Amino acid sequence: MNAESWTPAEFEARLRAVPEARYHNRHPFNVRMHAGELSPEEIRRWILNRFHYQRHIPIKDALILAKLEAPELRRMWIRRIQDHDGRRAGEGGIERWLRLGEAAGLDRKDLLSGEGILPGVRFAVEAYVNLCRLGTPLEAVAASLTELFAPDIMRTRIEAFERHYTWIDSEGLQYFRGRISQGRQDSGEALEMVLDWARGRAEQERAVAALSRKCDVLWALLDAVDQA
């Protein structure tokens, strides 16, 4: 017999429980970062490798966009691409991450070249892009729900950088500041979609599994950076 569907409240609780237990704010590397224990070399290595993830965010969002059949959903989702790519040159989240790298002493040419990216980071990012490419719309959108916890980690990160890593110009932290409000909006929209789409227990479980895989991606990325 098919398992009984969770109620909307039960389903949302199960979704939130995944990043609650497995979001990368719990990873030892992030714990050390927020405690002020990373060296400049470690901070730069993280910025360089995390940029490989950042530059693929609009790519995975374009793959999700192509799966959305309703115009109102496409209009909503395309904003995510614009948030990262910008509406014109010199704007957007990718540009703000490049400025973070420059504030930390990295050359943007090195960031953009893709050289020096760790193999584990490449595999993790490819896994996420493929999840969005090959998964159902429900799975692809559900995977984005790590954003539910993004505002909190951004606040923690800003405080940590301003307190412990004063050698980085505070203007370089604009990416983190912008993600507080963007993450709240993005996660709210995605959560509404997932709760609406996943009507049966099997679909609900697939959504939870997709979110779990996304947590694995973020954790694996930090494993690679931490062990380099």
Protein backbone atom coordinates (compact mmCIF):
# COMPACT_ATOMS: atom_id res chain seq x y z
CA MET A 1 0.00 0.00 0.00
CA ASN A 2 1.11 3.54 -0.67
CA ALA A 3 2.19 5.44 2.41
CA GLU A 4 -0.15 8.18 3.53
CA SER A 5 0.87 11.68 2.50
CA TRP A 6 2.28 13.98 5.12
CA THR A 7 0.15 17.00 5.96
CA PRO A 8 1.52 20.30 4.62
CA ALA A 9 2.79 21.13 8.10
CA GLU A 10 4.48 17.73 8.49
CA PHE A 11 6.00 17.98 5.02
CA GLU A 12 7.39 21.46 5.66
CA ALA A 13 8.81 20.30 9.01
CA ARG A 14 10.59 17.41 7.30
CA LEU A 15 12.02 19.71 4.66
CA ARG A 16 13.29 22.16 7.26
CA ALA A 17 14.75 19.32 9.32
CA VAL A 18 17.20 18.43 6.55
CA PRO A 19 19.27 21.65 6.54
CA GLU A 20 18.66 21.99 10.28
CA ALA A 21 20.75 18.83 10.73
CA ARG A 22 22.98 18.90 7.65
CA TYR A 23 23.44 22.46 6.39
CA HIS A 24 27.06 23.38 5.82
CA ASN A 25 27.11 25.89 8.66
CA ARG A 26 27.88 22.79 10.74
CA HIS A 27 30.89 21.79 8.64
CA PRO A 28 34.18 22.04 10.59
CA PHE A 29 35.61 24.43 8.00
CA ASN A 30 32.72 26.87 8.37
CA VAL A 31 32.83 26.50 12.15
CA ARG A 32 36.50 27.47 12.11
CA MET A 33 35.81 30.29 9.67
CA HIS A 34 33.15 31.81 11.89
CA ALA A 35 35.37 31.41 14.96
CA GLY A 36 38.11 33.42 13.27
CA GLU A 37 40.53 30.50 13.04
CA LEU A 38 41.29 30.46 9.32
CA SER A 39 44.52 31.78 7.86
CA PRO A 40 44.51 34.22 4.94
CA GLU A 41 45.60 31.35 2.69
CA GLU A 42 42.62 29.25 3.78
CA ILE A 43 40.20 32.15 3.27
CA ARG A 44 41.56 32.74 -0.23
CA ARG A 45 41.38 29.04 -1.09
CA TRP A 46 37.74 28.98 -0.01
CA ILE A 47 36.87 32.14 -1.98
CA LEU A 48 38.54 30.76 -5.12
CA ASN A 49 36.85 27.36 -4.96
CA ARG A 50 33.48 28.64 -3.81
CA PHE A 51 33.48 30.94 -6.84
CA HIS A 52 33.31 27.82 -9.01
CA TYR A 53 29.98 27.10 -7.30
CA GLN A 54 28.81 30.72 -7.49
CA ARG A 55 29.36 31.00 -11.22
CA HIS A 56 27.27 27.87 -11.81
CA ILE A 57 24.24 29.15 -9.86
CA PRO A 58 22.72 31.00 -12.85
CA ILE A 59 23.44 27.95 -15.01
CA LYS A 60 21.46 25.63 -12.73
CA ASP A 61 18.72 28.27 -12.48
CA ALA A 62 18.51 28.44 -16.28
CA LEU A 63 18.03 24.67 -16.32
CA ILE A 64 15.23 24.98 -13.76
CA LEU A 65 13.69 27.88 -15.68
CA ALA A 66 13.42 25.68 -18.78
CA LYS A 67 11.36 23.17 -16.79
CA LEU A 68 8.74 25.68 -15.65
CA GLU A 69 5.63 25.65 -17.82
CA ALA A 70 3.74 28.58 -16.31
CA PRO A 71 4.73 32.11 -17.43
CA GLU A 72 4.26 33.50 -13.92
CA LEU A 73 6.74 30.96 -12.54
CA ARG A 74 9.26 31.71 -15.28
CA ARG A 75 8.96 35.44 -14.59
CA MET A 76 9.61 34.76 -10.93
CA TRP A 77 12.52 32.37 -11.45
CA ILE A 78 14.34 34.47 -14.04
CA ARG A 79 14.96 37.04 -11.31
CA ARG A 80 17.39 34.57 -9.73
CA ILE A 81 19.51 34.56 -12.86
CA GLN A 82 19.46 38.34 -12.95
CA ASP A 83 20.39 38.49 -9.26
CA HIS A 84 23.59 36.58 -9.97
CA ASP A 85 24.47 37.67 -13.51
CA GLY A 86 23.23 41.23 -13.07
CA ARG A 87 21.07 43.13 -15.52
CA ARG A 88 24.19 44.72 -16.98
CA ALA A 89 27.95 44.37 -16.71
CA GLY A 90 29.39 45.22 -13.29
CA GLU A 91 26.28 44.13 -11.36
CA GLY A 92 25.03 40.98 -9.70
CA GLY A 93 26.14 38.35 -7.25
CA ILE A 94 28.96 36.99 -9.38
CA GLU A 95 30.45 40.47 -9.67
CA ARG A 96 30.13 40.94 -5.90
CA TRP A 97 31.93 37.63 -5.31
CA LEU A 98 34.75 38.76 -7.61
CA ARG A 99 35.04 41.91 -5.51
CA LEU A 100 35.20 39.77 -2.38
CA GLY A 101 38.11 37.92 -3.95
CA GLU A 102 39.86 41.16 -4.79
CA ALA A 103 39.30 42.46 -1.25
CA ALA A 104 40.99 39.28 0.02
CA GLY A 105 43.98 39.77 -2.27
CA LEU A 106 43.03 37.56 -5.21
CA ASP A 107 43.24 38.63 -8.83
CA ARG A 108 39.89 38.42 -10.62
CA LYS A 109 41.68 36.97 -13.63
CA ASP A 110 42.67 33.99 -11.47
CA LEU A 111 39.09 33.60 -10.25
CA LEU A 112 37.68 33.77 -13.77
CA SER A 113 40.30 31.43 -15.24
CA GLY A 114 38.99 28.43 -13.30
CA GLU A 115 42.56 27.31 -12.68
CA GLY A 116 43.33 25.86 -9.28
CA ILE A 117 39.81 24.59 -8.63
CA LEU A 118 40.02 21.42 -6.57
CA PRO A 119 38.77 18.19 -8.21
CA GLY A 120 36.37 17.54 -5.34
CA VAL A 121 34.82 20.98 -5.83
CA ARG A 122 34.40 20.36 -9.56
CA PHE A 123 32.66 17.04 -8.89
CA ALA A 124 30.37 18.55 -6.24
CA VAL A 125 29.29 21.45 -8.45
CA GLU A 126 28.77 19.15 -11.44
CA ALA A 127 26.58 16.92 -9.27
CA TYR A 128 24.34 19.85 -8.37
CA VAL A 129 24.06 21.10 -11.93
CA ASN A 130 23.17 17.58 -13.08
CA LEU A 131 20.56 17.25 -10.35
CA CYS A 132 18.87 20.35 -11.78
CA ARG A 133 19.38 19.20 -15.36
CA LEU A 134 18.15 15.63 -14.95
CA GLY A 135 15.77 15.84 -12.00
CA THR A 136 12.09 16.68 -12.09
CA PRO A 137 11.03 20.31 -11.59
CA LEU A 138 10.00 19.36 -8.06
CA GLU A 139 13.42 17.90 -7.25
CA ALA A 140 15.31 20.80 -8.81
CA VAL A 141 13.32 23.42 -6.90
CA ALA A 142 13.38 21.44 -3.66
CA ALA A 143 17.17 21.26 -3.82
CA SER A 144 17.29 25.05 -3.65
CA LEU A 145 15.65 25.05 -0.21
CA THR A 146 19.01 25.22 1.52
CA GLU A 147 18.26 28.93 1.07
CA LEU A 148 15.94 28.61 4.06
CA PHE A 149 19.06 28.80 6.23
CA ALA A 150 21.06 31.22 4.07
CA PRO A 151 20.04 34.45 5.86
CA ASP A 152 21.25 33.16 9.22
CA ILE A 153 24.60 31.94 7.93
CA MET A 154 25.12 35.22 6.07
CA ARG A 155 24.57 37.22 9.26
CA THR A 156 27.00 34.98 11.12
CA ARG A 157 29.55 35.27 8.34
CA ILE A 158 29.37 39.07 8.16
CA GLU A 159 29.90 39.32 11.89
CA ALA A 160 32.82 36.87 11.74
CA PHE A 161 34.54 38.66 8.87
CA GLU A 162 34.11 42.10 10.43
CA ARG A 163 35.45 40.83 13.74
CA HIS A 164 38.20 38.40 12.76
CA TYR A 165 39.26 39.13 9.18
CA THR A 166 39.68 42.89 9.24
CA TRP A 167 42.40 42.63 6.59
CA ILE A 168 39.53 42.16 4.09
CA ASP A 169 37.95 45.47 3.08
CA SER A 170 34.37 45.56 4.39
CA GLU A 171 33.15 46.62 0.94
CA GLY A 172 34.08 43.13 -0.18
CA LEU A 173 31.30 41.71 2.01
CA GLN A 174 28.47 43.05 -0.13
CA TYR A 175 27.68 39.60 -1.50
CA PHE A 176 26.90 38.33 1.99
CA ARG A 177 24.79 41.37 2.83
CA GLY A 178 22.72 41.04 -0.33
CA ARG A 179 22.00 37.37 0.22
CA ILE A 180 20.17 38.02 3.50
CA SER A 181 17.11 39.52 1.82
CA GLN A 182 17.49 37.58 -1.44
CA GLY A 183 17.76 34.26 0.37
CA ARG A 184 14.63 34.97 2.36
CA GLN A 185 12.66 35.81 -0.78
CA ASP A 186 14.04 32.94 -2.86
CA SER A 187 13.42 30.30 -0.19
CA GLY A 188 9.91 31.55 0.48
CA GLU A 189 8.95 31.30 -3.18
CA ALA A 190 10.56 27.88 -3.64
CA LEU A 191 8.98 26.48 -0.48
CA GLU A 192 5.53 27.54 -1.67
CA MET A 193 6.13 25.78 -5.00
CA VAL A 194 7.34 22.56 -3.40
CA LEU A 195 4.48 22.40 -0.91
CA ASP A 196 2.01 22.93 -3.74
CA TRP A 197 3.56 20.43 -6.18
CA ALA A 198 4.32 17.48 -3.89
CA ARG A 199 0.86 16.10 -3.25
CA GLY A 200 1.59 12.39 -2.75
CA ARG A 201 3.94 10.76 -0.26
CA ALA A 202 6.32 9.56 -3.00
CA GLU A 203 6.70 13.09 -4.36
CA GLN A 204 7.19 14.46 -0.86
CA GLU A 205 9.95 11.94 -0.18
CA ARG A 206 11.64 12.77 -3.49
CA ALA A 207 11.64 16.45 -2.54
CA VAL A 208 13.22 15.71 0.84
CA ALA A 209 15.82 13.47 -0.84
CA ALA A 210 16.71 16.19 -3.36
CA LEU A 211 17.24 18.70 -0.56
CA SER A 212 19.40 16.14 1.23
CA ARG A 213 21.54 15.72 -1.90
CA LYS A 214 22.00 19.47 -2.12
CA CYS A 215 23.27 19.47 1.47
CA ASP A 216 25.70 16.72 0.41
CA VAL A 217 26.97 18.96 -2.40
CA LEU A 218 27.69 21.87 -0.07
CA TRP A 219 29.31 19.57 2.48
CA ALA A 220 31.47 17.82 -0.14
CA LEU A 221 32.64 21.17 -1.48
CA LEU A 222 33.88 22.16 1.95
CA ASP A 223 35.43 18.74 2.51
CA ALA A 224 37.58 19.32 -0.56
CA VAL A 225 38.59 22.83 0.53
CA ASP A 226 39.27 21.76 4.11
CA GLN A 227 41.42 18.79 3.14
CA ALA A 228 43.43 20.51 0.41
